[in-house]
């Protein structure tokens, strides 16, 4: 994954290796191997995002970590094989480009795209995850049950003009895809544009 995911992958391979090892010791021998694996990776994800929340001064990363932690706390382990969106943020950058950050919870990453809806009146747009990013996401499955994708657009892309028309998050939604088929319900997208959170309902933040 680009940008955020690259930093997360680097952190996971370095300073949190010891954390994973310590957490793994805490599970009883009476649990199945699958249960131990899920709980270990869930604990890792919680610790990672708590640490990220403490260390970051970036408003977007802070929002993503808060959303992920809330979703992990409410997670039903029995449903771990079903992807569950934890956070979705569309960022309009000051340089005119856009980025969509999606994070979800799943036992093993199967998501290879997303369907983006601007409003109930417009046809959704499908975006695909690159093979390179898919490889990076799958590599993270040994440590975590939280996965993410980033999609970026600039003036040269066909979708850019539609993104420029967005003035509020009303109607903005996304759902995750596997082999171009939806595997989650529609999930609201938060909007962060030119350094400001934009929302029709401030309580959502």
N, C-alpha and C. Protein backbone atom coordinates (compact mmCIF):
# COMPACT_ATOMS: atom_id res chain seq x y z
N UNK A 1 0.84 -1.18 0.00
CA UNK A 1 0.00 0.00 0.00
C UNK A 1 0.88 1.23 0.00
N UNK A 2 0.42 2.31 -0.45
CA UNK A 2 1.21 3.50 -0.52
C UNK A 2 1.21 4.22 0.81
N UNK A 3 2.13 5.14 1.03
CA UNK A 3 2.16 6.11 2.09
C UNK A 3 1.90 5.52 3.47
N UNK A 4 0.61 5.57 3.98
CA UNK A 4 0.31 5.08 5.32
C UNK A 4 0.67 3.62 5.47
N UNK A 5 0.27 2.77 4.47
CA UNK A 5 0.52 1.34 4.59
C UNK A 5 2.00 1.03 4.61
N UNK A 6 2.81 1.81 3.87
CA UNK A 6 4.24 1.56 3.84
C UNK A 6 4.84 1.81 5.21
N UNK A 7 4.39 2.88 5.86
CA UNK A 7 4.91 3.17 7.20
C UNK A 7 4.46 2.10 8.19
N UNK A 8 3.20 1.63 8.04
CA UNK A 8 2.71 0.60 8.95
C UNK A 8 3.46 -0.71 8.77
N UNK A 9 3.73 -1.07 7.52
CA UNK A 9 4.45 -2.31 7.26
C UNK A 9 5.85 -2.24 7.84
N UNK A 10 6.50 -1.07 7.72
CA UNK A 10 7.85 -0.92 8.26
C UNK A 10 7.84 -1.03 9.77
N UNK A 11 6.83 -0.41 10.38
CA UNK A 11 6.75 -0.47 11.84
C UNK A 11 6.51 -1.89 12.32
N UNK A 12 5.64 -2.63 11.59
CA UNK A 12 5.32 -3.99 11.99
C UNK A 12 6.52 -4.91 11.92
N UNK A 13 7.44 -4.63 11.00
CA UNK A 13 8.60 -5.50 10.86
C UNK A 13 9.71 -5.13 11.85
N UNK A 14 9.56 -4.00 12.54
CA UNK A 14 10.61 -3.53 13.42
C UNK A 14 10.23 -3.47 14.88
N UNK A 15 9.78 -2.28 15.31
CA UNK A 15 9.65 -2.02 16.74
C UNK A 15 8.55 -2.82 17.42
N UNK A 16 7.61 -3.41 16.65
CA UNK A 16 6.52 -4.14 17.29
C UNK A 16 6.71 -5.65 17.28
N UNK A 17 7.86 -6.12 16.79
CA UNK A 17 8.11 -7.56 16.79
C UNK A 17 8.09 -8.10 18.21
N UNK A 18 8.73 -7.38 19.13
CA UNK A 18 8.77 -7.82 20.52
C UNK A 18 7.37 -7.84 21.12
N UNK A 19 6.55 -6.84 20.77
CA UNK A 19 5.18 -6.78 21.27
C UNK A 19 4.40 -8.03 20.87
N UNK A 20 4.54 -8.42 19.61
CA UNK A 20 3.85 -9.61 19.13
C UNK A 20 4.26 -10.84 19.91
N UNK A 21 5.55 -10.98 20.16
CA UNK A 21 6.05 -12.15 20.88
C UNK A 21 5.50 -12.21 22.30
N UNK A 22 5.47 -11.06 22.96
CA UNK A 22 4.95 -11.03 24.33
C UNK A 22 3.47 -11.34 24.37
N UNK A 23 2.72 -10.75 23.44
CA UNK A 23 1.28 -10.99 23.40
C UNK A 23 0.96 -12.46 23.15
N UNK A 24 1.76 -13.10 22.34
CA UNK A 24 1.49 -14.50 21.99
C UNK A 24 1.59 -15.42 23.20
N UNK A 25 2.38 -15.02 24.20
CA UNK A 25 2.55 -15.87 25.38
C UNK A 25 1.33 -15.86 26.29
N UNK A 26 0.45 -14.89 26.08
CA UNK A 26 -0.66 -14.72 27.00
C UNK A 26 -1.86 -15.60 26.76
N UNK A 27 -1.88 -16.42 25.74
CA UNK A 27 -3.06 -17.21 25.41
C UNK A 27 -2.93 -18.64 25.93
N UNK A 28 -4.03 -19.16 26.41
CA UNK A 28 -4.02 -20.48 27.05
C UNK A 28 -3.86 -21.59 26.03
N UNK A 29 -3.31 -22.70 26.50
CA UNK A 29 -3.11 -23.85 25.63
C UNK A 29 -4.43 -24.52 25.28
N UNK A 30 -5.50 -24.20 26.00
CA UNK A 30 -6.80 -24.81 25.74
C UNK A 30 -7.47 -24.27 24.49
N UNK A 31 -7.02 -23.12 23.96
CA UNK A 31 -7.61 -22.54 22.76
C UNK A 31 -7.11 -23.29 21.53
N UNK A 32 -7.93 -23.29 20.48
CA UNK A 32 -7.50 -23.90 19.23
C UNK A 32 -6.43 -23.04 18.59
N UNK A 33 -5.67 -23.63 17.66
CA UNK A 33 -4.62 -22.88 16.97
C UNK A 33 -5.21 -21.69 16.24
N UNK A 34 -6.39 -21.89 15.64
CA UNK A 34 -7.04 -20.80 14.91
C UNK A 34 -7.42 -19.67 15.85
N UNK A 35 -8.02 -20.02 17.00
CA UNK A 35 -8.43 -19.00 17.96
C UNK A 35 -7.22 -18.23 18.50
N UNK A 36 -6.14 -18.94 18.78
CA UNK A 36 -4.93 -18.29 19.28
C UNK A 36 -4.38 -17.32 18.24
N UNK A 37 -4.41 -17.76 16.98
CA UNK A 37 -3.89 -16.91 15.90
C UNK A 37 -4.71 -15.64 15.76
N UNK A 38 -6.03 -15.76 15.77
CA UNK A 38 -6.89 -14.59 15.62
C UNK A 38 -6.73 -13.65 16.81
N UNK A 39 -6.75 -14.18 18.01
CA UNK A 39 -6.63 -13.34 19.20
C UNK A 39 -5.27 -12.66 19.27
N UNK A 40 -4.22 -13.39 18.89
CA UNK A 40 -2.88 -12.79 18.89
C UNK A 40 -2.81 -11.63 17.92
N UNK A 41 -3.34 -11.83 16.71
CA UNK A 41 -3.29 -10.78 15.70
C UNK A 41 -4.24 -9.63 16.02
N UNK A 42 -5.33 -9.93 16.69
CA UNK A 42 -6.24 -8.86 17.12
C UNK A 42 -5.55 -8.01 18.20
N UNK A 43 -4.88 -8.65 19.14
CA UNK A 43 -4.17 -7.92 20.19
C UNK A 43 -3.06 -7.06 19.59
N UNK A 44 -2.37 -7.62 18.60
CA UNK A 44 -1.34 -6.84 17.93
C UNK A 44 -1.93 -5.59 17.29
N UNK A 45 -3.05 -5.76 16.59
CA UNK A 45 -3.69 -4.63 15.92
C UNK A 45 -4.12 -3.56 16.92
N UNK A 46 -4.63 -3.99 18.07
CA UNK A 46 -5.04 -3.04 19.11
C UNK A 46 -3.83 -2.27 19.62
N UNK A 47 -2.76 -2.99 19.97
CA UNK A 47 -1.56 -2.34 20.48
C UNK A 47 -0.95 -1.41 19.44
N UNK A 48 -0.91 -1.85 18.20
CA UNK A 48 -0.33 -1.03 17.14
C UNK A 48 -1.09 0.28 16.98
N UNK A 49 -2.42 0.21 16.93
CA UNK A 49 -3.20 1.43 16.72
C UNK A 49 -3.24 2.32 17.95
N UNK A 50 -3.15 1.75 19.13
CA UNK A 50 -3.03 2.57 20.34
C UNK A 50 -1.73 3.35 20.31
N UNK A 51 -0.65 2.66 19.93
CA UNK A 51 0.65 3.32 19.85
C UNK A 51 0.64 4.40 18.76
N UNK A 52 0.01 4.10 17.64
CA UNK A 52 -0.06 5.07 16.55
C UNK A 52 -0.86 6.29 16.96
N UNK A 53 -1.92 6.07 17.73
CA UNK A 53 -2.77 7.16 18.19
C UNK A 53 -1.99 8.09 19.13
N UNK A 54 -1.13 7.51 19.94
CA UNK A 54 -0.32 8.29 20.88
C UNK A 54 0.74 9.11 20.14
N UNK A 55 1.36 8.49 19.13
CA UNK A 55 2.53 9.10 18.50
C UNK A 55 2.22 10.06 17.35
N UNK A 56 1.05 9.90 16.71
CA UNK A 56 0.79 10.71 15.52
C UNK A 56 0.21 12.09 15.85
N UNK A 57 0.54 13.05 15.02
CA UNK A 57 -0.08 14.38 15.09
C UNK A 57 -0.90 14.63 13.83
N UNK A 58 -1.01 13.62 12.99
CA UNK A 58 -1.76 13.72 11.73
C UNK A 58 -3.23 13.44 11.98
N UNK A 59 -4.10 14.38 11.60
CA UNK A 59 -5.54 14.27 11.88
C UNK A 59 -6.15 13.05 11.20
N UNK A 60 -5.68 12.72 10.01
CA UNK A 60 -6.25 11.59 9.27
C UNK A 60 -5.84 10.28 9.92
N UNK A 61 -4.55 10.12 10.22
CA UNK A 61 -4.09 8.90 10.87
C UNK A 61 -4.75 8.71 12.23
N UNK A 62 -4.94 9.81 12.96
CA UNK A 62 -5.61 9.73 14.26
C UNK A 62 -7.04 9.23 14.11
N UNK A 63 -7.77 9.77 13.12
CA UNK A 63 -9.15 9.34 12.87
C UNK A 63 -9.20 7.86 12.48
N UNK A 64 -8.30 7.43 11.61
CA UNK A 64 -8.28 6.04 11.18
C UNK A 64 -8.03 5.11 12.36
N UNK A 65 -7.05 5.46 13.20
CA UNK A 65 -6.73 4.60 14.35
C UNK A 65 -7.89 4.53 15.34
N UNK A 66 -8.56 5.65 15.58
CA UNK A 66 -9.72 5.66 16.48
C UNK A 66 -10.83 4.75 15.95
N UNK A 67 -11.10 4.85 14.66
CA UNK A 67 -12.14 4.02 14.05
C UNK A 67 -11.79 2.54 14.14
N UNK A 68 -10.53 2.23 13.85
CA UNK A 68 -10.08 0.83 13.87
C UNK A 68 -10.18 0.26 15.28
N UNK A 69 -9.75 1.01 16.28
CA UNK A 69 -9.82 0.54 17.66
C UNK A 69 -11.27 0.30 18.09
N UNK A 70 -12.16 1.19 17.70
CA UNK A 70 -13.58 1.01 18.03
C UNK A 70 -14.13 -0.25 17.40
N UNK A 71 -13.76 -0.51 16.15
CA UNK A 71 -14.24 -1.71 15.46
C UNK A 71 -13.66 -2.98 16.07
N UNK A 72 -12.40 -2.94 16.48
CA UNK A 72 -11.77 -4.11 17.10
C UNK A 72 -12.41 -4.46 18.44
N UNK A 73 -12.80 -3.43 19.18
CA UNK A 73 -13.44 -3.67 20.48
C UNK A 73 -14.80 -4.32 20.33
N UNK A 74 -15.51 -4.03 19.24
CA UNK A 74 -16.85 -4.57 19.01
C UNK A 74 -16.84 -5.85 18.17
N UNK A 75 -15.65 -6.29 17.79
CA UNK A 75 -15.53 -7.42 16.87
C UNK A 75 -16.08 -8.72 17.45
N UNK A 76 -16.87 -9.43 16.64
CA UNK A 76 -17.32 -10.78 16.97
C UNK A 76 -16.36 -11.75 16.29
N UNK A 77 -15.53 -12.40 17.09
CA UNK A 77 -14.50 -13.29 16.54
C UNK A 77 -15.11 -14.37 15.66
N UNK A 78 -16.32 -14.80 15.97
CA UNK A 78 -16.96 -15.86 15.18
C UNK A 78 -17.21 -15.42 13.74
N UNK A 79 -17.27 -14.11 13.53
CA UNK A 79 -17.54 -13.60 12.18
C UNK A 79 -16.28 -13.08 11.50
N UNK A 80 -15.12 -13.50 11.98
CA UNK A 80 -13.85 -12.97 11.51
C UNK A 80 -13.60 -13.23 10.03
N UNK A 81 -14.20 -14.27 9.48
CA UNK A 81 -13.98 -14.59 8.06
C UNK A 81 -14.77 -13.67 7.13
N UNK A 82 -15.70 -12.90 7.70
CA UNK A 82 -16.48 -11.96 6.90
C UNK A 82 -15.87 -10.57 7.01
N UNK A 83 -15.42 -9.97 5.91
CA UNK A 83 -14.81 -8.64 5.97
C UNK A 83 -15.75 -7.61 6.61
N UNK A 84 -15.18 -6.74 7.43
CA UNK A 84 -15.98 -5.70 8.09
C UNK A 84 -15.23 -4.37 7.99
N UNK A 85 -15.84 -3.40 7.34
CA UNK A 85 -15.20 -2.09 7.22
C UNK A 85 -15.07 -1.42 8.59
N UNK A 86 -13.90 -0.85 8.84
CA UNK A 86 -13.64 -0.18 10.11
C UNK A 86 -13.52 1.33 9.94
N UNK A 87 -13.04 1.77 8.77
CA UNK A 87 -12.88 3.20 8.54
C UNK A 87 -12.78 3.49 7.05
N UNK A 88 -13.35 4.62 6.64
CA UNK A 88 -13.27 5.06 5.24
C UNK A 88 -13.19 6.58 5.22
N UNK A 89 -12.10 7.09 4.68
CA UNK A 89 -11.88 8.54 4.64
C UNK A 89 -11.45 8.96 3.24
N UNK A 90 -12.15 9.94 2.69
CA UNK A 90 -11.75 10.55 1.41
C UNK A 90 -11.04 11.86 1.73
N UNK A 91 -9.82 11.99 1.23
CA UNK A 91 -9.00 13.17 1.51
C UNK A 91 -8.80 13.99 0.25
N UNK A 92 -9.20 15.25 0.30
CA UNK A 92 -8.90 16.20 -0.77
C UNK A 92 -7.70 17.01 -0.35
N UNK A 93 -6.57 16.78 -1.00
CA UNK A 93 -5.31 17.40 -0.58
C UNK A 93 -5.18 18.81 -1.15
N UNK A 94 -4.30 19.59 -0.53
CA UNK A 94 -4.10 20.97 -0.95
C UNK A 94 -3.45 21.07 -2.32
N UNK A 95 -2.81 19.99 -2.76
CA UNK A 95 -2.18 20.00 -4.09
C UNK A 95 -3.17 19.59 -5.19
N UNK A 96 -4.44 19.38 -4.82
CA UNK A 96 -5.47 19.07 -5.80
C UNK A 96 -5.72 17.60 -6.04
N UNK A 97 -4.91 16.72 -5.45
CA UNK A 97 -5.12 15.28 -5.60
C UNK A 97 -6.07 14.77 -4.52
N UNK A 98 -6.57 13.54 -4.73
CA UNK A 98 -7.48 12.92 -3.78
C UNK A 98 -6.98 11.53 -3.41
N UNK A 99 -7.28 11.15 -2.18
CA UNK A 99 -6.94 9.81 -1.72
C UNK A 99 -8.08 9.22 -0.91
N UNK A 100 -8.39 7.96 -1.19
CA UNK A 100 -9.43 7.25 -0.43
C UNK A 100 -8.74 6.19 0.41
N UNK A 101 -8.88 6.28 1.73
CA UNK A 101 -8.26 5.34 2.65
C UNK A 101 -9.32 4.42 3.24
N UNK A 102 -9.15 3.13 3.02
CA UNK A 102 -10.10 2.13 3.51
C UNK A 102 -9.38 1.15 4.42
N UNK A 103 -9.96 0.88 5.59
CA UNK A 103 -9.43 -0.13 6.49
C UNK A 103 -10.55 -1.07 6.91
N UNK A 104 -10.25 -2.35 6.91
CA UNK A 104 -11.24 -3.34 7.26
C UNK A 104 -10.62 -4.44 8.11
N UNK A 105 -11.50 -5.25 8.73
CA UNK A 105 -11.09 -6.37 9.58
C UNK A 105 -11.48 -7.67 8.90
N UNK A 106 -10.54 -8.61 8.89
CA UNK A 106 -10.78 -9.89 8.23
C UNK A 106 -9.71 -10.87 8.68
N UNK A 107 -10.04 -12.15 8.74
CA UNK A 107 -9.07 -13.15 9.16
C UNK A 107 -7.89 -13.22 8.19
N UNK A 108 -8.20 -13.31 6.90
CA UNK A 108 -7.17 -13.31 5.87
C UNK A 108 -7.67 -12.42 4.73
N UNK A 109 -6.84 -11.50 4.24
CA UNK A 109 -7.31 -10.51 3.27
C UNK A 109 -7.75 -11.11 1.93
N UNK A 110 -9.01 -10.86 1.59
CA UNK A 110 -9.57 -11.35 0.32
C UNK A 110 -10.03 -10.20 -0.57
N UNK A 111 -10.01 -8.98 -0.04
CA UNK A 111 -10.53 -7.82 -0.76
C UNK A 111 -9.57 -7.39 -1.86
N UNK A 112 -10.11 -7.23 -3.07
CA UNK A 112 -9.27 -6.81 -4.19
C UNK A 112 -9.83 -5.60 -4.92
N UNK A 113 -10.78 -4.90 -4.27
CA UNK A 113 -11.33 -3.70 -4.89
C UNK A 113 -12.41 -3.09 -4.02
N UNK A 114 -12.96 -1.99 -4.50
CA UNK A 114 -14.02 -1.31 -3.76
C UNK A 114 -14.97 -0.65 -4.75
N UNK A 115 -16.18 -0.43 -4.28
CA UNK A 115 -17.21 0.24 -5.08
C UNK A 115 -17.54 1.56 -4.40
N UNK A 116 -17.32 2.65 -5.11
CA UNK A 116 -17.48 3.99 -4.56
C UNK A 116 -18.77 4.62 -5.09
N UNK A 117 -19.60 5.11 -4.16
CA UNK A 117 -20.87 5.74 -4.54
C UNK A 117 -20.88 7.19 -4.08
N UNK A 118 -21.17 8.11 -5.01
CA UNK A 118 -21.20 9.52 -4.68
C UNK A 118 -22.55 9.96 -4.12
N UNK A 119 -23.61 9.31 -4.58
CA UNK A 119 -24.96 9.57 -4.08
C UNK A 119 -25.86 8.43 -4.52
N UNK A 120 -27.07 8.38 -3.97
CA UNK A 120 -28.00 7.32 -4.33
C UNK A 120 -28.50 7.47 -5.77
N UNK A 121 -28.29 8.65 -6.35
CA UNK A 121 -28.77 8.92 -7.70
C UNK A 121 -27.73 8.57 -8.77
N UNK A 122 -26.47 8.42 -8.36
CA UNK A 122 -25.40 8.16 -9.32
C UNK A 122 -24.99 6.70 -9.33
N UNK A 123 -24.51 6.24 -10.46
CA UNK A 123 -24.01 4.86 -10.57
C UNK A 123 -22.67 4.76 -9.83
N UNK A 124 -22.47 3.68 -9.07
CA UNK A 124 -21.20 3.50 -8.35
C UNK A 124 -20.03 3.31 -9.31
N UNK A 125 -18.84 3.59 -8.80
CA UNK A 125 -17.60 3.43 -9.56
C UNK A 125 -16.76 2.35 -8.89
N UNK A 126 -16.26 1.40 -9.68
CA UNK A 126 -15.43 0.33 -9.14
C UNK A 126 -13.95 0.69 -9.28
N UNK A 127 -13.20 0.53 -8.19
CA UNK A 127 -11.75 0.72 -8.22
C UNK A 127 -11.08 -0.59 -7.80
N UNK A 128 -9.99 -0.93 -8.48
CA UNK A 128 -9.31 -2.19 -8.23
C UNK A 128 -8.00 -1.98 -7.47
N UNK A 129 -7.66 -2.95 -6.63
CA UNK A 129 -6.39 -2.94 -5.92
C UNK A 129 -5.31 -3.55 -6.81
N UNK A 130 -4.16 -2.92 -6.87
CA UNK A 130 -3.09 -3.41 -7.73
C UNK A 130 -2.51 -4.71 -7.17
N UNK A 131 -1.88 -5.49 -8.05
CA UNK A 131 -1.25 -6.75 -7.62
C UNK A 131 -0.15 -6.50 -6.60
N UNK A 132 0.59 -5.41 -6.77
CA UNK A 132 1.67 -5.09 -5.83
C UNK A 132 1.11 -4.83 -4.44
N UNK A 133 0.03 -4.05 -4.38
CA UNK A 133 -0.58 -3.75 -3.08
C UNK A 133 -1.20 -4.99 -2.46
N UNK A 134 -1.82 -5.84 -3.28
CA UNK A 134 -2.40 -7.09 -2.77
C UNK A 134 -1.33 -7.94 -2.11
N UNK A 135 -0.16 -8.00 -2.71
CA UNK A 135 0.94 -8.78 -2.15
C UNK A 135 1.37 -8.21 -0.80
N UNK A 136 1.43 -6.89 -0.70
CA UNK A 136 1.80 -6.24 0.56
C UNK A 136 0.76 -6.49 1.64
N UNK A 137 -0.51 -6.41 1.26
CA UNK A 137 -1.59 -6.63 2.22
C UNK A 137 -1.56 -8.06 2.75
N UNK A 138 -1.41 -9.03 1.87
CA UNK A 138 -1.39 -10.44 2.29
C UNK A 138 -0.21 -10.74 3.21
N UNK A 139 0.91 -10.07 2.98
CA UNK A 139 2.09 -10.29 3.81
C UNK A 139 1.85 -9.86 5.26
N UNK A 140 0.92 -8.93 5.47
CA UNK A 140 0.63 -8.43 6.81
C UNK A 140 -0.24 -9.38 7.62
N UNK A 141 -0.83 -10.38 6.95
CA UNK A 141 -1.79 -11.26 7.62
C UNK A 141 -1.17 -12.10 8.74
N UNK A 142 0.14 -12.26 8.74
CA UNK A 142 0.77 -13.05 9.80
C UNK A 142 0.77 -12.29 11.13
N UNK A 143 0.59 -10.96 11.07
CA UNK A 143 0.67 -10.13 12.27
C UNK A 143 -0.65 -9.51 12.71
N UNK A 144 -1.58 -9.31 11.78
CA UNK A 144 -2.76 -8.50 12.09
C UNK A 144 -4.02 -9.02 11.40
N UNK A 145 -5.16 -8.54 11.86
CA UNK A 145 -6.43 -8.83 11.20
C UNK A 145 -7.02 -7.54 10.62
N UNK A 146 -6.25 -6.46 10.67
CA UNK A 146 -6.67 -5.17 10.10
C UNK A 146 -5.87 -4.91 8.83
N UNK A 147 -6.58 -4.63 7.76
CA UNK A 147 -5.92 -4.41 6.47
C UNK A 147 -6.44 -3.11 5.84
N UNK A 148 -5.65 -2.55 4.96
CA UNK A 148 -6.05 -1.28 4.38
C UNK A 148 -5.61 -1.13 2.94
N UNK A 149 -6.34 -0.27 2.23
CA UNK A 149 -6.00 0.08 0.85
C UNK A 149 -6.12 1.58 0.68
N UNK A 150 -5.30 2.10 -0.23
CA UNK A 150 -5.36 3.52 -0.57
C UNK A 150 -5.51 3.65 -2.08
N UNK A 151 -6.44 4.48 -2.49
CA UNK A 151 -6.65 4.76 -3.91
C UNK A 151 -6.44 6.26 -4.13
N UNK A 152 -5.65 6.60 -5.14
CA UNK A 152 -5.31 8.00 -5.38
C UNK A 152 -5.71 8.44 -6.79
N UNK A 153 -6.10 9.73 -6.88
CA UNK A 153 -6.49 10.30 -8.16
C UNK A 153 -5.92 11.71 -8.31
N UNK A 154 -5.46 12.03 -9.51
CA UNK A 154 -5.02 13.39 -9.81
C UNK A 154 -5.81 13.92 -11.01
N UNK A 155 -5.44 15.08 -11.50
CA UNK A 155 -6.19 15.73 -12.57
C UNK A 155 -6.25 14.89 -13.85
N UNK A 156 -5.33 13.98 -14.00
CA UNK A 156 -5.29 13.17 -15.23
C UNK A 156 -6.29 12.02 -15.21
N UNK A 157 -6.86 11.72 -14.06
CA UNK A 157 -7.80 10.60 -13.95
C UNK A 157 -9.23 11.04 -14.28
N UNK A 158 -10.01 10.11 -14.80
CA UNK A 158 -11.39 10.41 -15.17
C UNK A 158 -12.26 10.72 -13.94
N UNK A 159 -11.92 10.10 -12.81
CA UNK A 159 -12.74 10.27 -11.61
C UNK A 159 -12.49 11.60 -10.92
N UNK A 160 -11.39 12.24 -11.24
CA UNK A 160 -10.99 13.47 -10.53
C UNK A 160 -12.06 14.55 -10.60
N UNK A 161 -12.66 14.74 -11.78
CA UNK A 161 -13.67 15.79 -11.94
C UNK A 161 -14.88 15.55 -11.03
N UNK A 162 -15.28 14.29 -10.88
CA UNK A 162 -16.40 13.97 -9.98
C UNK A 162 -16.03 14.25 -8.53
N UNK A 163 -14.80 13.94 -8.17
CA UNK A 163 -14.34 14.20 -6.81
C UNK A 163 -14.31 15.70 -6.50
N UNK A 164 -13.98 16.49 -7.51
CA UNK A 164 -13.92 17.94 -7.34
C UNK A 164 -15.30 18.53 -7.04
N UNK A 165 -16.36 17.85 -7.45
CA UNK A 165 -17.72 18.35 -7.26
C UNK A 165 -18.25 18.09 -5.85
N UNK A 166 -17.56 17.25 -5.08
CA UNK A 166 -18.05 16.87 -3.75
C UNK A 166 -17.89 18.02 -2.77
N UNK A 167 -18.99 18.45 -2.18
CA UNK A 167 -18.97 19.54 -1.22
C UNK A 167 -19.24 19.07 0.21
N UNK A 168 -19.81 17.88 0.35
CA UNK A 168 -20.09 17.32 1.67
C UNK A 168 -20.09 15.79 1.57
N UNK A 169 -20.02 15.10 2.70
CA UNK A 169 -20.02 13.64 2.66
C UNK A 169 -21.41 13.02 2.50
N UNK A 170 -22.44 13.85 2.39
CA UNK A 170 -23.80 13.33 2.25
C UNK A 170 -23.89 12.46 1.00
N UNK A 171 -24.28 11.21 1.17
CA UNK A 171 -24.42 10.29 0.06
C UNK A 171 -23.16 9.52 -0.29
N UNK A 172 -22.02 9.95 0.25
CA UNK A 172 -20.76 9.26 -0.02
C UNK A 172 -20.75 7.92 0.71
N UNK A 173 -20.46 6.84 -0.02
CA UNK A 173 -20.44 5.52 0.61
C UNK A 173 -19.54 4.58 -0.19
N UNK A 174 -19.11 3.51 0.46
CA UNK A 174 -18.23 2.53 -0.18
C UNK A 174 -18.58 1.15 0.33
N UNK A 175 -18.35 0.15 -0.50
CA UNK A 175 -18.42 -1.23 -0.04
C UNK A 175 -17.28 -2.01 -0.67
N UNK A 176 -16.82 -3.02 0.05
CA UNK A 176 -15.66 -3.79 -0.39
C UNK A 176 -16.06 -4.88 -1.37
N UNK A 177 -15.12 -5.21 -2.26
CA UNK A 177 -15.37 -6.20 -3.31
C UNK A 177 -14.36 -7.33 -3.28
N UNK A 178 -14.83 -8.49 -3.70
CA UNK A 178 -13.94 -9.63 -3.98
C UNK A 178 -14.34 -10.17 -5.35
N UNK A 179 -13.40 -10.18 -6.28
CA UNK A 179 -13.68 -10.60 -7.66
C UNK A 179 -14.86 -9.80 -8.23
N UNK A 180 -14.89 -8.50 -7.92
CA UNK A 180 -15.89 -7.53 -8.40
C UNK A 180 -17.30 -7.76 -7.82
N UNK A 181 -17.41 -8.63 -6.83
CA UNK A 181 -18.70 -8.87 -6.16
C UNK A 181 -18.67 -8.25 -4.77
N UNK A 182 -19.73 -7.55 -4.36
CA UNK A 182 -19.74 -6.92 -3.03
C UNK A 182 -19.76 -7.94 -1.90
N UNK A 183 -18.95 -7.69 -0.87
CA UNK A 183 -18.89 -8.59 0.29
C UNK A 183 -19.17 -7.85 1.59
N UNK A 184 -19.47 -6.55 1.51
CA UNK A 184 -19.89 -5.78 2.68
C UNK A 184 -21.08 -4.91 2.30
N UNK A 185 -21.76 -4.40 3.31
CA UNK A 185 -22.82 -3.42 3.07
C UNK A 185 -22.18 -2.06 2.76
N UNK A 186 -23.00 -1.12 2.31
CA UNK A 186 -22.52 0.23 2.08
C UNK A 186 -22.10 0.86 3.40
N UNK A 187 -20.99 1.57 3.37
CA UNK A 187 -20.41 2.16 4.58
C UNK A 187 -20.15 3.64 4.30
N UNK A 188 -20.53 4.55 5.22
CA UNK A 188 -20.36 5.99 4.96
C UNK A 188 -18.89 6.40 4.92
N UNK A 189 -18.57 7.32 4.04
CA UNK A 189 -17.21 7.84 3.90
C UNK A 189 -17.11 9.21 4.56
N UNK A 190 -16.09 9.38 5.39
CA UNK A 190 -15.81 10.69 5.98
C UNK A 190 -15.03 11.52 4.96
N UNK A 191 -15.21 12.84 5.02
CA UNK A 191 -14.57 13.74 4.06
C UNK A 191 -13.64 14.72 4.77
N UNK A 192 -12.38 14.73 4.33
CA UNK A 192 -11.37 15.65 4.86
C UNK A 192 -10.79 16.40 3.66
N UNK A 193 -11.05 17.70 3.60
CA UNK A 193 -10.67 18.46 2.40
C UNK A 193 -9.94 19.74 2.78
N UNK A 194 -8.78 19.93 2.17
CA UNK A 194 -7.97 21.13 2.40
C UNK A 194 -7.72 21.38 3.88
N UNK A 195 -7.42 20.31 4.60
CA UNK A 195 -7.04 20.44 6.01
C UNK A 195 -8.20 20.56 6.98
N UNK A 196 -9.44 20.28 6.53
CA UNK A 196 -10.62 20.44 7.39
C UNK A 196 -11.57 19.25 7.23
N UNK A 197 -12.12 18.78 8.35
CA UNK A 197 -13.16 17.76 8.30
C UNK A 197 -14.46 18.41 7.87
N UNK A 198 -15.12 17.83 6.89
CA UNK A 198 -16.38 18.36 6.38
C UNK A 198 -17.48 17.33 6.63
N UNK A 199 -18.51 17.72 7.34
CA UNK A 199 -19.57 16.78 7.66
C UNK A 199 -20.89 17.50 7.86
N UNK A 200 -21.98 16.89 7.39
CA UNK A 200 -23.32 17.42 7.65
C UNK A 200 -23.74 17.16 9.08
N UNK A 201 -23.07 16.18 9.70
CA UNK A 201 -23.40 15.79 11.06
C UNK A 201 -22.11 15.71 11.86
N UNK A 202 -21.73 16.77 12.59
CA UNK A 202 -20.47 16.82 13.30
C UNK A 202 -20.26 15.68 14.29
N UNK A 203 -21.35 15.07 14.79
CA UNK A 203 -21.21 14.00 15.79
C UNK A 203 -20.57 12.77 15.19
N UNK A 204 -20.56 12.65 13.86
CA UNK A 204 -19.96 11.48 13.20
C UNK A 204 -18.46 11.42 13.48
N UNK A 205 -17.80 12.56 13.73
CA UNK A 205 -16.37 12.58 13.96
C UNK A 205 -16.05 12.25 15.41
